N, C-alpha and C. Protein backbone atom coordinates (compact mmCIF):
# COMPACT_ATOMS: atom_id res chain seq x y z
N UNK A 1 95.56 111.42 88.22
CA UNK A 1 94.45 111.52 89.58
C UNK A 1 95.42 110.09 90.49
N UNK A 2 95.82 110.70 91.24
CA UNK A 2 96.62 109.67 92.26
C UNK A 2 95.04 108.44 92.66
N UNK A 3 95.52 107.10 92.83
CA UNK A 3 94.97 106.58 93.27
C UNK A 3 95.56 105.77 94.98
N UNK A 4 94.82 105.42 96.01
CA UNK A 4 95.93 105.11 97.26
C UNK A 4 94.89 104.15 97.62
N UNK A 5 95.26 103.02 97.89
CA UNK A 5 95.12 101.89 99.23
C UNK A 5 95.20 102.52 100.53
N UNK A 6 94.15 102.19 101.36
CA UNK A 6 94.52 102.61 102.85
C UNK A 6 93.75 101.55 103.60
N UNK A 7 94.90 101.38 104.40
CA UNK A 7 95.30 99.68 105.38
C UNK A 7 94.52 100.90 106.94
N UNK A 8 93.32 100.81 107.12
CA UNK A 8 92.94 100.91 108.44
C UNK A 8 93.51 99.83 109.60
N UNK A 9 94.33 100.06 110.81
CA UNK A 9 94.59 98.86 111.39
C UNK A 9 93.85 99.38 112.62
N UNK A 10 93.48 98.21 113.68
CA UNK A 10 92.74 98.04 115.11
C UNK A 10 93.89 97.96 115.46
N UNK A 11 93.73 98.52 117.21
CA UNK A 11 94.88 98.26 117.92
C UNK A 11 95.24 96.87 118.34
N UNK A 12 96.56 95.90 117.62
CA UNK A 12 96.32 94.92 118.03
C UNK A 12 96.91 94.28 119.90
N UNK A 13 96.68 93.12 119.96
CA UNK A 13 96.82 92.64 121.66
C UNK A 13 97.87 93.00 121.63
N UNK A 14 99.35 92.50 120.94
CA UNK A 14 100.60 92.95 120.95
C UNK A 14 101.26 93.98 120.02
N UNK A 15 100.85 95.33 120.83
CA UNK A 15 101.55 96.20 119.41
C UNK A 15 103.22 96.45 118.99
N UNK A 16 103.78 95.87 120.04
CA UNK A 16 105.41 95.59 119.62
C UNK A 16 105.89 94.52 118.62
N UNK A 17 104.93 93.24 118.95
CA UNK A 17 105.27 92.75 118.07
C UNK A 17 104.65 92.99 116.54
N UNK A 18 102.91 93.65 116.80
CA UNK A 18 102.86 93.94 115.13
C UNK A 18 103.71 94.69 114.69
N UNK A 19 104.16 95.81 115.34
CA UNK A 19 104.98 96.68 114.84
C UNK A 19 106.59 96.56 114.17
N UNK A 20 106.90 95.15 114.96
CA UNK A 20 108.18 94.89 114.56
C UNK A 20 108.29 94.21 113.11
N UNK A 21 106.93 93.17 113.44
CA UNK A 21 106.53 92.67 112.07
C UNK A 21 106.61 93.12 110.65
N UNK A 22 105.95 94.43 111.07
CA UNK A 22 104.90 95.51 109.86
C UNK A 22 106.44 96.02 109.29
N UNK A 23 106.96 96.21 110.20
CA UNK A 23 108.30 97.06 109.63
C UNK A 23 109.22 96.42 109.35
N UNK A 24 109.89 94.95 109.80
CA UNK A 24 110.69 94.54 109.70
C UNK A 24 110.31 93.34 108.20
N UNK A 25 109.29 92.52 108.01
CA UNK A 25 108.83 92.04 107.24
C UNK A 25 107.69 92.66 106.30
N UNK A 26 106.74 92.89 106.71
CA UNK A 26 105.51 93.40 105.56
C UNK A 26 106.06 94.82 104.67
N UNK A 27 106.79 95.45 105.38
CA UNK A 27 106.63 97.02 104.59
C UNK A 27 107.85 96.57 103.67
N UNK A 28 109.29 95.80 103.88
CA UNK A 28 109.90 95.26 102.63
C UNK A 28 108.93 94.39 101.48
N UNK A 29 108.10 94.18 101.87
CA UNK A 29 107.03 93.66 101.12
C UNK A 29 106.48 94.36 99.72
N UNK A 30 106.20 95.25 100.96
CA UNK A 30 105.09 96.35 99.97
C UNK A 30 106.14 97.16 99.28
N UNK A 31 107.00 97.85 99.30
CA UNK A 31 107.88 98.35 98.76
C UNK A 31 108.38 97.43 97.49
N UNK A 32 108.24 96.30 97.45
CA UNK A 32 108.55 95.90 95.98
C UNK A 32 107.01 95.70 94.79
N UNK A 33 106.15 95.91 95.56
CA UNK A 33 104.96 96.38 94.61
C UNK A 33 105.20 97.05 93.62
N UNK A 34 104.93 96.61 92.33
CA UNK A 34 105.43 97.43 91.05
C UNK A 34 104.38 98.69 91.04
N UNK A 35 104.84 100.15 90.57
CA UNK A 35 103.82 101.07 90.51
C UNK A 35 103.52 101.71 91.66
N UNK A 36 104.36 100.93 92.47
CA UNK A 36 103.91 101.82 94.27
C UNK A 36 104.48 102.84 94.16
N UNK A 37 104.01 104.62 94.27
CA UNK A 37 104.83 105.62 94.15
C UNK A 37 105.63 106.30 95.56
N UNK A 38 104.69 105.90 96.36
CA UNK A 38 104.88 106.16 98.07
C UNK A 38 104.12 105.46 98.41
N UNK A 39 104.73 105.13 99.94
CA UNK A 39 104.48 104.64 100.91
C UNK A 39 104.36 105.30 102.26
N UNK A 40 103.02 105.67 102.92
CA UNK A 40 102.92 106.36 104.47
C UNK A 40 102.41 105.76 105.21
N UNK A 41 102.94 105.22 106.16
CA UNK A 41 102.47 104.97 107.39
C UNK A 41 102.15 106.06 108.51
N UNK A 42 100.92 105.97 109.19
CA UNK A 42 100.48 107.08 110.19
C UNK A 42 100.10 106.52 111.63
N UNK A 43 100.75 106.73 112.31
CA UNK A 43 100.29 106.45 113.33
C UNK A 43 99.48 107.24 114.59
N UNK A 44 97.74 106.89 114.47
CA UNK A 44 97.00 107.64 114.95
C UNK A 44 97.24 107.91 116.47
N UNK A 45 97.02 108.84 116.87
CA UNK A 45 97.40 109.76 118.30
C UNK A 45 96.10 109.81 119.29
N UNK A 46 95.21 110.42 118.61
CA UNK A 46 93.97 110.40 119.47
C UNK A 46 92.53 110.65 118.97
N UNK A 47 91.93 110.78 118.87
CA UNK A 47 90.63 110.81 118.76
C UNK A 47 89.72 112.32 118.66
N UNK A 48 89.71 112.94 118.11
CA UNK A 48 89.42 114.59 118.56
C UNK A 48 87.99 114.36 118.95
N UNK A 49 87.08 113.59 118.53
CA UNK A 49 85.21 113.50 118.84
C UNK A 49 85.62 112.81 120.50
N UNK A 50 86.84 112.30 121.17
CA UNK A 50 86.33 111.50 122.04
C UNK A 50 86.72 110.16 122.09
N UNK A 51 86.80 109.63 123.05
CA UNK A 51 87.18 108.21 123.44
C UNK A 51 88.30 107.94 122.67
N UNK A 52 88.46 106.28 122.55
CA UNK A 52 89.87 105.79 122.09
C UNK A 52 90.14 105.71 120.82
N UNK A 53 90.90 106.34 119.67
CA UNK A 53 90.54 106.33 118.62
C UNK A 53 89.84 105.08 118.39
N UNK A 54 89.39 104.99 117.12
CA UNK A 54 89.04 103.30 116.51
C UNK A 54 90.36 102.36 115.47
N UNK A 55 91.06 103.31 114.97
CA UNK A 55 92.13 102.85 114.51
C UNK A 55 93.60 103.17 115.28
N UNK A 56 94.25 102.35 115.19
CA UNK A 56 95.97 102.48 115.46
C UNK A 56 96.72 103.00 115.10
N UNK A 57 96.39 102.46 113.29
CA UNK A 57 97.56 102.95 112.57
C UNK A 57 96.76 102.89 111.19
N UNK A 58 97.68 104.31 109.96
CA UNK A 58 96.67 104.16 108.79
C UNK A 58 98.07 104.07 107.85
N UNK A 59 97.82 103.16 107.10
CA UNK A 59 98.93 103.14 105.90
C UNK A 59 98.42 103.60 104.23
N UNK A 60 98.76 104.03 103.83
CA UNK A 60 98.63 104.67 102.73
C UNK A 60 99.80 103.85 101.15
N UNK A 61 99.05 103.39 100.57
CA UNK A 61 99.89 103.12 99.32
C UNK A 61 99.42 104.18 98.16
N UNK A 62 100.35 104.27 97.40
CA UNK A 62 99.85 106.06 96.55
C UNK A 62 100.40 105.46 95.41
N UNK A 63 99.71 104.80 93.94
CA UNK A 63 99.77 104.76 92.85
C UNK A 63 99.26 106.28 91.92
N UNK A 64 99.77 106.10 90.71
CA UNK A 64 99.66 107.42 89.82
C UNK A 64 98.08 107.27 89.37
N UNK A 65 97.50 105.97 88.99
CA UNK A 65 96.34 106.24 88.64
C UNK A 65 95.72 105.11 88.69
N UNK A 66 94.67 104.54 88.21
CA UNK A 66 93.72 103.38 88.03
C UNK A 66 94.65 102.24 87.46
N UNK A 67 94.96 102.63 86.18
CA UNK A 67 96.07 101.07 85.68
C UNK A 67 96.93 101.17 86.41
N UNK A 68 97.43 102.18 87.22
CA UNK A 68 98.93 101.42 87.83
C UNK A 68 98.07 100.47 88.88
N UNK A 69 97.31 100.99 89.94
CA UNK A 69 96.58 100.58 90.65
C UNK A 69 96.28 98.92 90.43
N UNK A 70 95.68 98.70 89.36
CA UNK A 70 94.79 97.49 88.91
C UNK A 70 96.07 96.53 89.04
N UNK A 71 97.30 97.12 87.99
CA UNK A 71 98.38 96.44 87.98
C UNK A 71 98.83 96.22 88.97
N UNK A 72 98.94 97.09 89.53
CA UNK A 72 100.06 96.54 91.11
C UNK A 72 98.96 95.26 91.24
N UNK A 73 97.88 95.23 91.44
CA UNK A 73 96.85 94.50 92.60
C UNK A 73 97.06 93.28 92.47
N UNK A 74 97.40 93.07 90.53
CA UNK A 74 97.45 91.86 89.97
C UNK A 74 98.36 90.97 90.29
N UNK A 75 99.77 92.02 90.63
CA UNK A 75 101.18 91.98 90.77
C UNK A 75 101.69 90.45 91.49
N UNK A 76 102.60 89.35 91.50
CA UNK A 76 102.47 88.42 92.59
C UNK A 76 103.76 88.91 93.57
N UNK A 77 103.90 90.25 93.44
CA UNK A 77 104.69 90.80 94.60
C UNK A 77 103.67 91.84 95.60
N UNK A 78 102.43 91.56 94.92
CA UNK A 78 101.36 92.42 95.67
C UNK A 78 100.43 91.21 96.29
N UNK A 79 100.53 90.15 95.57
CA UNK A 79 99.57 88.67 96.25
C UNK A 79 100.67 88.31 97.47
N UNK A 80 102.05 88.62 97.68
CA UNK A 80 102.92 88.21 98.28
C UNK A 80 102.12 89.32 99.86
N UNK A 81 102.41 90.02 99.73
CA UNK A 81 102.37 90.80 100.67
C UNK A 81 100.97 91.05 101.07
N UNK A 82 99.74 90.91 100.19
CA UNK A 82 98.46 90.55 100.87
C UNK A 82 99.05 88.92 101.73
N UNK A 83 99.11 88.12 101.66
CA UNK A 83 99.46 87.08 102.08
C UNK A 83 100.27 87.22 103.64
N UNK A 84 101.12 87.88 103.58
CA UNK A 84 101.40 88.51 104.67
C UNK A 84 100.80 89.21 105.76
N UNK A 85 99.70 90.07 104.83
CA UNK A 85 99.42 90.91 106.22
C UNK A 85 98.24 90.15 106.58
N UNK A 86 97.83 88.77 105.65
CA UNK A 86 97.09 88.45 106.31
C UNK A 86 97.45 87.16 107.77
N UNK A 87 98.09 86.99 107.90
CA UNK A 87 99.16 86.36 108.85
C UNK A 87 99.72 87.41 109.78
N UNK A 88 99.42 88.20 109.86
CA UNK A 88 99.69 88.99 111.00
C UNK A 88 98.49 90.03 111.61
N UNK A 89 97.79 90.34 110.28
CA UNK A 89 97.01 91.83 110.63
C UNK A 89 94.84 90.98 110.39
N UNK A 90 95.12 89.35 110.02
CA UNK A 90 93.80 89.00 109.88
C UNK A 90 92.78 89.68 111.24
N UNK A 91 91.34 90.47 110.96
CA UNK A 91 91.17 90.60 111.60
C UNK A 91 91.05 92.32 112.38
N UNK A 92 92.19 92.38 111.74
CA UNK A 92 92.64 93.96 112.35
C UNK A 92 92.76 95.16 111.52
N UNK A 93 92.50 94.64 109.68
CA UNK A 93 92.73 95.72 109.14
C UNK A 93 91.61 95.95 108.16
N UNK A 94 91.00 97.07 107.73
CA UNK A 94 90.45 97.70 106.91
C UNK A 94 91.31 97.94 105.51
N UNK A 95 90.39 97.43 104.44
CA UNK A 95 91.28 97.85 103.48
C UNK A 95 90.33 98.23 102.41
N UNK A 96 90.83 100.00 102.08
CA UNK A 96 89.51 100.58 100.73
C UNK A 96 90.71 101.38 99.92
N UNK A 97 89.68 101.72 98.96
CA UNK A 97 90.43 102.20 97.54
C UNK A 97 90.07 103.69 97.72
N UNK A 98 90.66 105.07 97.41
CA UNK A 98 90.64 105.80 97.13
C UNK A 98 91.21 106.73 96.11
N UNK A 99 90.46 107.86 95.95
CA UNK A 99 90.75 108.38 94.74
C UNK A 99 91.06 110.27 95.26
N UNK A 100 92.26 110.69 95.33
CA UNK A 100 92.67 111.64 95.43
C UNK A 100 92.23 112.92 94.72
N UNK A 101 91.57 113.66 94.97
CA UNK A 101 91.00 114.91 95.41
C UNK A 101 91.85 116.12 95.63
N UNK A 102 92.03 117.55 94.80
CA UNK A 102 92.84 118.62 95.49
C UNK A 102 91.67 118.90 95.70
N UNK A 103 91.57 120.09 96.67
CA UNK A 103 90.46 120.86 97.44
C UNK A 103 90.86 122.38 96.38
């Protein structure tokens, strides 16, 4: 059963600087996390319920199961990625752990 870390980002003041750091610095760190099967970055385009979307970007980090997720979270590579996210997105990011269920 796939376990995912979802990182939900609100809109930064400087979207260009945020995206440059995210893609050039943060994602290379994320891709080194052991056990990561897939990383998906979703840009939020609209809020179908009206108004501005509450999130700017949602990232999904996929792991095979809870054991792989726990091992990844305890790794030095993940600690480096966590330190980095706090350097550019503190106050902008909410992180959730979810289990994917087939419909």
